Amino acid sequence: MNGTYKPGTPCWIDLMVPDQQAAIDFYRDLFGWQGEIGPAEQGGYAVCTLKGKPVAGIMKAMNPDGTVPDPLPPTAWTTYLSTDNVDGTVKSVTDAGGTVMMGPVDVMDLGRMAMIADPAGAVLGLWQPGTFDGAGIVNEHGALIWNDLATPDLPAATAFYSSILPVTTARSEMPGAEGYIEFKVDDRTVGGIMDLSALPPGVPPHWQPYFSVDSVDEIQAAVVRAGGSVLAPAFDMPAGRMAVLADPQGGAFAVITATAPEQPA
């Protein structure tokens, strides 16, 4: 483990998909992850590893009673922010105009979690660690390196997140990143907030994970070969070279070869 994630820091990601095994196989081939469908008593949740350390979760889309939802929810990655008191954070969420979608609930002895949506509708998780802090490897090829929020109202988003967790925000001073908001914990940048208007029409507010890769162009080509899609072809930007991709089931994610990688953990 990298040690405890400070409250407000993105600490874990997971993916909900209709075909869990197909997703496990896709990310194994793409990033080198290892994982298998978990036991039934844990809802089949798969903890994928890289170099023997937990890197992300993959789960099958299902209702709490184990039935398949109809219609199926969109395939999507969920970002989890760490908290030292999930119950208190959840109360702050409702006070600040957000929505509690699930929880708080205990996940065995691993931790306590809740699922929420911010006032604009972006869904995210909250994680209070028990024996499990979160991702055990970051900032390496195939591992999480960044998370950011796309929202239609930057001032409202900054007000909401700073009211529910000990985070601060500041406009980025990186050249070419005007309007981008840095998400900080103890004055250390751990994520970002961007204006939704920069994305194609119809994209809903969301949190998106970025994976570190040695070659964005090679990963983009591999995604296409595997039946995935390219949402934003590889391009150069102030923080490095990146692309926005989607797996064959529609789960969107970004990949980046960072010029000066931030440390989210």
Protein backbone atom coordinates (compact mmCIF):
# COMPACT_ATOMS: atom_id res chain seq x y z
CA MET A 1 0.00 0.00 0.00
CA ASN A 2 1.01 3.60 -0.46
CA GLY A 3 -0.12 4.46 3.02
CA THR A 4 -3.31 6.14 4.09
CA TYR A 5 -4.95 8.47 1.60
CA LYS A 6 -5.71 11.81 3.20
CA PRO A 7 -9.41 12.75 3.31
CA GLY A 8 -10.52 14.28 0.01
CA THR A 9 -7.95 12.37 -2.06
CA PRO A 10 -9.12 10.04 -4.85
CA CYS A 11 -8.23 6.61 -3.47
CA TRP A 12 -9.97 3.95 -5.56
CA ILE A 13 -11.85 3.36 -8.80
CA ASP A 14 -14.16 0.65 -9.97
CA LEU A 15 -16.12 -0.24 -13.07
CA MET A 16 -19.69 -1.55 -13.34
CA VAL A 17 -20.33 -3.54 -16.52
CA PRO A 18 -22.91 -5.95 -17.97
CA ASP A 19 -20.23 -8.54 -18.83
CA GLN A 20 -17.76 -8.68 -15.96
CA GLN A 21 -15.48 -11.38 -17.36
CA ALA A 22 -15.17 -9.60 -20.70
CA ALA A 23 -14.09 -6.41 -18.87
CA ILE A 24 -11.55 -8.31 -16.76
CA ASP A 25 -10.10 -9.83 -19.94
CA PHE A 26 -10.01 -6.47 -21.74
CA TYR A 27 -8.11 -4.62 -19.01
CA ARG A 28 -5.81 -7.61 -18.46
CA ASP A 29 -4.78 -7.47 -22.10
CA LEU A 30 -4.58 -3.66 -22.15
CA PHE A 31 -2.80 -2.88 -18.88
CA GLY A 32 -1.55 -6.22 -17.57
CA TRP A 33 -4.01 -6.41 -14.69
CA GLN A 34 -4.75 -9.70 -12.97
CA GLY A 35 -8.20 -10.42 -11.57
CA GLU A 36 -11.02 -12.90 -11.33
CA ILE A 37 -14.70 -12.84 -10.45
CA GLY A 38 -15.01 -12.80 -6.67
CA PRO A 39 -17.13 -14.99 -4.37
CA ALA A 40 -20.90 -14.73 -4.45
CA GLU A 41 -21.06 -13.41 -0.87
CA GLN A 42 -19.08 -10.39 -2.09
CA GLY A 43 -21.35 -9.89 -5.10
CA GLY A 44 -18.68 -11.32 -7.38
CA TYR A 45 -16.63 -8.10 -7.01
CA ALA A 46 -13.23 -8.50 -8.68
CA VAL A 47 -10.24 -6.68 -7.23
CA CYS A 48 -7.75 -6.35 -10.07
CA THR A 49 -4.06 -6.17 -9.29
CA LEU A 50 -0.91 -4.92 -10.98
CA LYS A 51 2.43 -6.23 -9.76
CA GLY A 52 0.48 -7.94 -6.99
CA LYS A 53 -1.07 -4.72 -5.66
CA PRO A 54 -4.74 -3.65 -5.93
CA VAL A 55 -5.32 -1.19 -8.74
CA ALA A 56 -9.07 -1.17 -9.53
CA GLY A 57 -12.34 -3.05 -9.06
CA ILE A 58 -14.64 -4.53 -11.70
CA MET A 59 -18.20 -5.61 -10.88
CA LYS A 60 -21.24 -6.88 -12.72
CA ALA A 61 -24.19 -4.53 -13.04
CA MET A 62 -26.88 -5.94 -10.77
CA ASN A 63 -29.63 -4.93 -8.37
CA PRO A 64 -29.12 -5.32 -4.59
CA ASP A 65 -31.18 -8.54 -4.73
CA GLY A 66 -28.83 -10.01 -7.34
CA THR A 67 -31.13 -9.60 -10.34
CA VAL A 68 -30.01 -7.96 -13.58
CA PRO A 69 -31.26 -4.36 -13.94
CA ASP A 70 -33.63 -3.57 -16.78
CA PRO A 71 -32.67 -1.34 -18.40
CA LEU A 72 -28.96 -1.82 -17.73
CA PRO A 73 -27.20 1.25 -16.32
CA PRO A 74 -24.50 2.85 -18.49
CA THR A 75 -21.09 1.25 -18.15
CA ALA A 76 -19.04 3.72 -16.11
CA TRP A 77 -15.97 4.09 -13.95
CA THR A 78 -16.58 5.41 -10.43
CA THR A 79 -14.03 7.49 -8.53
CA TYR A 80 -13.93 7.18 -4.72
CA LEU A 81 -12.74 9.98 -2.46
CA SER A 82 -11.24 9.05 0.88
CA THR A 83 -12.86 10.22 4.12
CA ASP A 84 -12.16 9.55 7.77
CA ASN A 85 -15.88 9.71 8.65
CA VAL A 86 -18.20 8.59 5.87
CA ASP A 87 -21.34 9.12 7.97
CA GLY A 88 -20.40 12.70 8.70
CA THR A 89 -19.47 13.31 5.07
CA VAL A 90 -22.81 11.91 3.91
CA LYS A 91 -24.66 14.31 6.20
CA SER A 92 -22.64 17.17 4.69
CA VAL A 93 -23.59 15.96 1.20
CA THR A 94 -27.30 16.33 1.84
CA ASP A 95 -26.79 19.67 3.60
CA ALA A 96 -24.85 20.94 0.57
CA GLY A 97 -27.47 19.90 -2.00
CA GLY A 98 -26.02 16.58 -3.09
CA THR A 99 -27.83 13.23 -3.19
CA VAL A 100 -27.08 10.05 -1.26
CA MET A 101 -27.57 7.10 -3.60
CA MET A 102 -26.45 4.30 -1.28
CA GLY A 103 -25.10 3.81 2.21
CA PRO A 104 -23.21 4.34 4.28
CA VAL A 105 -22.56 0.59 4.54
CA ASP A 106 -19.76 -1.57 5.90
CA VAL A 107 -17.77 -3.62 3.40
CA MET A 108 -16.68 -6.45 5.70
CA ASP A 109 -13.62 -5.20 7.57
CA LEU A 110 -12.24 -3.46 4.49
CA GLY A 111 -13.95 -0.13 5.13
CA ARG A 112 -17.19 1.78 5.02
CA MET A 113 -18.60 3.31 1.86
CA ALA A 114 -21.36 5.41 0.36
CA MET A 115 -22.36 6.40 -3.16
CA ILE A 116 -23.40 9.98 -3.76
CA ALA A 117 -24.11 12.43 -6.56
CA ASP A 118 -23.03 16.06 -6.43
CA PRO A 119 -25.62 18.80 -7.15
CA ALA A 120 -24.89 18.63 -10.90
CA GLY A 121 -25.43 14.87 -10.95
CA ALA A 122 -21.85 13.56 -11.11
CA VAL A 123 -21.73 10.23 -9.28
CA LEU A 124 -18.85 9.29 -6.99
CA GLY A 125 -18.05 7.06 -4.07
CA LEU A 126 -16.87 7.86 -0.56
CA TRP A 127 -14.49 5.45 1.17
CA GLN A 128 -13.61 5.31 4.86
CA PRO A 129 -10.74 2.84 5.08
CA GLY A 130 -10.66 -0.09 7.43
CA THR A 131 -8.07 -2.70 6.47
CA PHE A 132 -8.11 -1.44 2.86
CA ASP A 133 -6.83 2.05 2.02
CA GLY A 134 -7.38 1.96 -1.72
CA ALA A 135 -5.14 1.61 -4.75
CA GLY A 136 -1.81 0.08 -3.81
CA ILE A 137 0.02 1.22 -6.92
CA VAL A 138 -0.31 4.52 -8.81
CA ASN A 139 1.57 6.65 -11.34
CA GLU A 140 3.00 3.65 -13.21
CA HIS A 141 2.08 2.13 -16.56
CA GLY A 142 -1.42 0.66 -16.26
CA ALA A 143 -2.20 2.30 -12.93
CA LEU A 144 -4.27 5.30 -11.87
CA ILE A 145 -2.50 8.63 -12.13
CA TRP A 146 -5.27 11.25 -12.08
CA ASN A 147 -9.00 11.90 -11.62
CA ASP A 148 -10.98 14.88 -12.70
CA LEU A 149 -14.54 16.13 -12.64
CA ALA A 150 -16.37 17.54 -15.65
CA THR A 151 -19.15 19.84 -14.47
CA PRO A 152 -21.37 22.58 -15.94
CA ASP A 153 -20.88 24.93 -12.98
CA LEU A 154 -17.32 25.33 -11.71
CA PRO A 155 -18.14 27.68 -8.79
CA ALA A 156 -20.94 25.38 -7.57
CA ALA A 157 -18.67 22.33 -7.78
CA THR A 158 -15.85 23.98 -5.87
CA ALA A 159 -18.28 25.13 -3.18
CA PHE A 160 -19.83 21.65 -2.85
CA TYR A 161 -16.64 19.61 -2.57
CA SER A 162 -14.96 22.06 -0.20
CA SER A 163 -18.03 21.90 2.04
CA ILE A 164 -18.10 18.09 2.33
CA LEU A 165 -14.37 17.29 2.53
CA PRO A 166 -11.17 19.08 3.63
CA VAL A 167 -10.22 20.13 0.11
CA THR A 168 -9.42 23.46 -1.46
CA THR A 169 -9.45 24.57 -5.09
CA ALA A 170 -7.43 26.97 -7.17
CA ARG A 171 -7.31 27.93 -10.82
CA SER A 172 -4.50 26.15 -12.63
CA GLU A 173 -1.46 28.23 -13.50
CA MET A 174 -0.29 25.71 -16.09
CA PRO A 175 0.08 27.35 -19.53
CA GLY A 176 -2.75 26.34 -21.84
CA ALA A 177 -4.95 25.16 -18.97
CA GLU A 178 -6.92 28.35 -18.43
CA GLY A 179 -10.19 27.66 -16.67
CA TYR A 180 -9.03 24.33 -15.24
CA ILE A 181 -9.45 24.05 -11.48
CA GLU A 182 -6.95 22.16 -9.34
CA PHE A 183 -8.38 20.01 -6.54
CA LYS A 184 -6.07 20.21 -3.52
CA VAL A 185 -5.56 18.40 -0.22
CA ASP A 186 -3.15 20.08 2.19
CA ASP A 187 -2.21 22.44 -0.65
CA ARG A 188 -1.19 19.45 -2.80
CA THR A 189 -2.95 18.97 -6.14
CA VAL A 190 -4.67 15.56 -6.26
CA GLY A 191 -7.19 16.04 -9.07
CA GLY A 192 -8.97 18.58 -11.19
CA ILE A 193 -12.27 20.13 -12.21
CA MET A 194 -13.00 21.08 -15.80
CA ASP A 195 -15.84 22.87 -17.56
CA LEU A 196 -18.28 20.42 -19.12
CA SER A 197 -18.76 22.79 -22.06
CA ALA A 198 -15.31 21.75 -23.32
CA LEU A 199 -16.71 18.28 -24.07
CA PRO A 200 -19.11 17.18 -26.82
CA PRO A 201 -22.81 18.07 -26.30
CA GLY A 202 -24.76 15.48 -24.36
CA VAL A 203 -21.91 14.28 -22.15
CA PRO A 204 -23.25 14.28 -18.56
CA PRO A 205 -21.34 15.57 -15.52
CA HIS A 206 -18.91 12.86 -14.39
CA TRP A 207 -15.68 11.95 -12.66
CA GLN A 208 -13.12 10.33 -14.97
CA PRO A 209 -10.01 8.28 -14.17
CA TYR A 210 -6.72 8.68 -16.02
CA PHE A 211 -4.28 5.79 -16.35
CA SER A 212 -0.55 6.28 -16.74
CA VAL A 213 0.81 4.61 -19.89
CA ASP A 214 4.20 4.43 -21.55
CA SER A 215 2.72 5.12 -25.01
CA VAL A 216 -0.67 6.74 -25.50
CA ASP A 217 -0.68 5.95 -29.22
CA GLU A 218 0.03 2.26 -28.68
CA ILE A 219 -2.71 1.96 -26.05
CA GLN A 220 -5.17 3.81 -28.31
CA ALA A 221 -4.44 1.38 -31.13
CA ALA A 222 -4.82 -1.60 -28.78
CA VAL A 223 -8.22 -0.35 -27.59
CA VAL A 224 -9.44 -0.09 -31.18
CA ARG A 225 -8.15 -3.58 -32.01
CA ALA A 226 -10.02 -4.95 -28.99
CA GLY A 227 -13.33 -3.41 -30.09
CA GLY A 228 -13.22 -0.26 -27.98
CA SER A 229 -13.56 3.28 -29.26
CA VAL A 230 -11.67 6.56 -29.36
CA LEU A 231 -13.54 9.51 -27.83
CA ALA A 232 -10.67 12.00 -28.15
CA PRO A 233 -7.69 10.89 -30.26
CA ALA A 234 -4.18 11.19 -28.83
CA PHE A 235 -3.10 14.81 -28.47
CA ASP A 236 -0.44 16.83 -26.71
CA MET A 237 -1.40 19.13 -23.85
CA PRO A 238 0.43 20.94 -21.03
CA ALA A 239 0.58 17.91 -18.71
CA GLY A 240 1.65 15.42 -21.38
CA ARG A 241 0.19 13.36 -24.21
CA MET A 242 -3.26 11.91 -23.63
CA ALA A 243 -6.32 10.31 -25.22
CA VAL A 244 -9.86 9.61 -24.06
CA LEU A 245 -11.00 6.08 -24.85
CA ALA A 246 -13.86 3.70 -24.13
CA ASP A 247 -13.76 -0.04 -23.55
CA PRO A 248 -15.95 -2.33 -25.71
CA GLN A 249 -18.81 -2.00 -23.21
CA GLY A 250 -18.68 1.81 -23.21
CA GLY A 251 -16.69 2.55 -20.06
CA ALA A 252 -14.83 5.82 -20.69
CA PHE A 253 -11.35 6.51 -19.36
CA ALA A 254 -8.33 8.62 -20.22
CA VAL A 255 -4.72 7.57 -20.68
CA ILE A 256 -1.76 9.89 -20.35
CA THR A 257 1.99 9.90 -20.63
CA ALA A 258 2.62 12.67 -18.14
CA THR A 259 5.49 15.10 -18.45
CA ALA A 260 5.46 15.84 -14.73
CA PRO A 261 3.18 13.33 -13.00
CA GLU A 262 1.28 14.49 -9.98
CA GLN A 263 1.04 12.15 -7.02
CA PRO A 264 -2.64 11.50 -6.22
CA ALA A 265 -1.73 9.38 -3.20
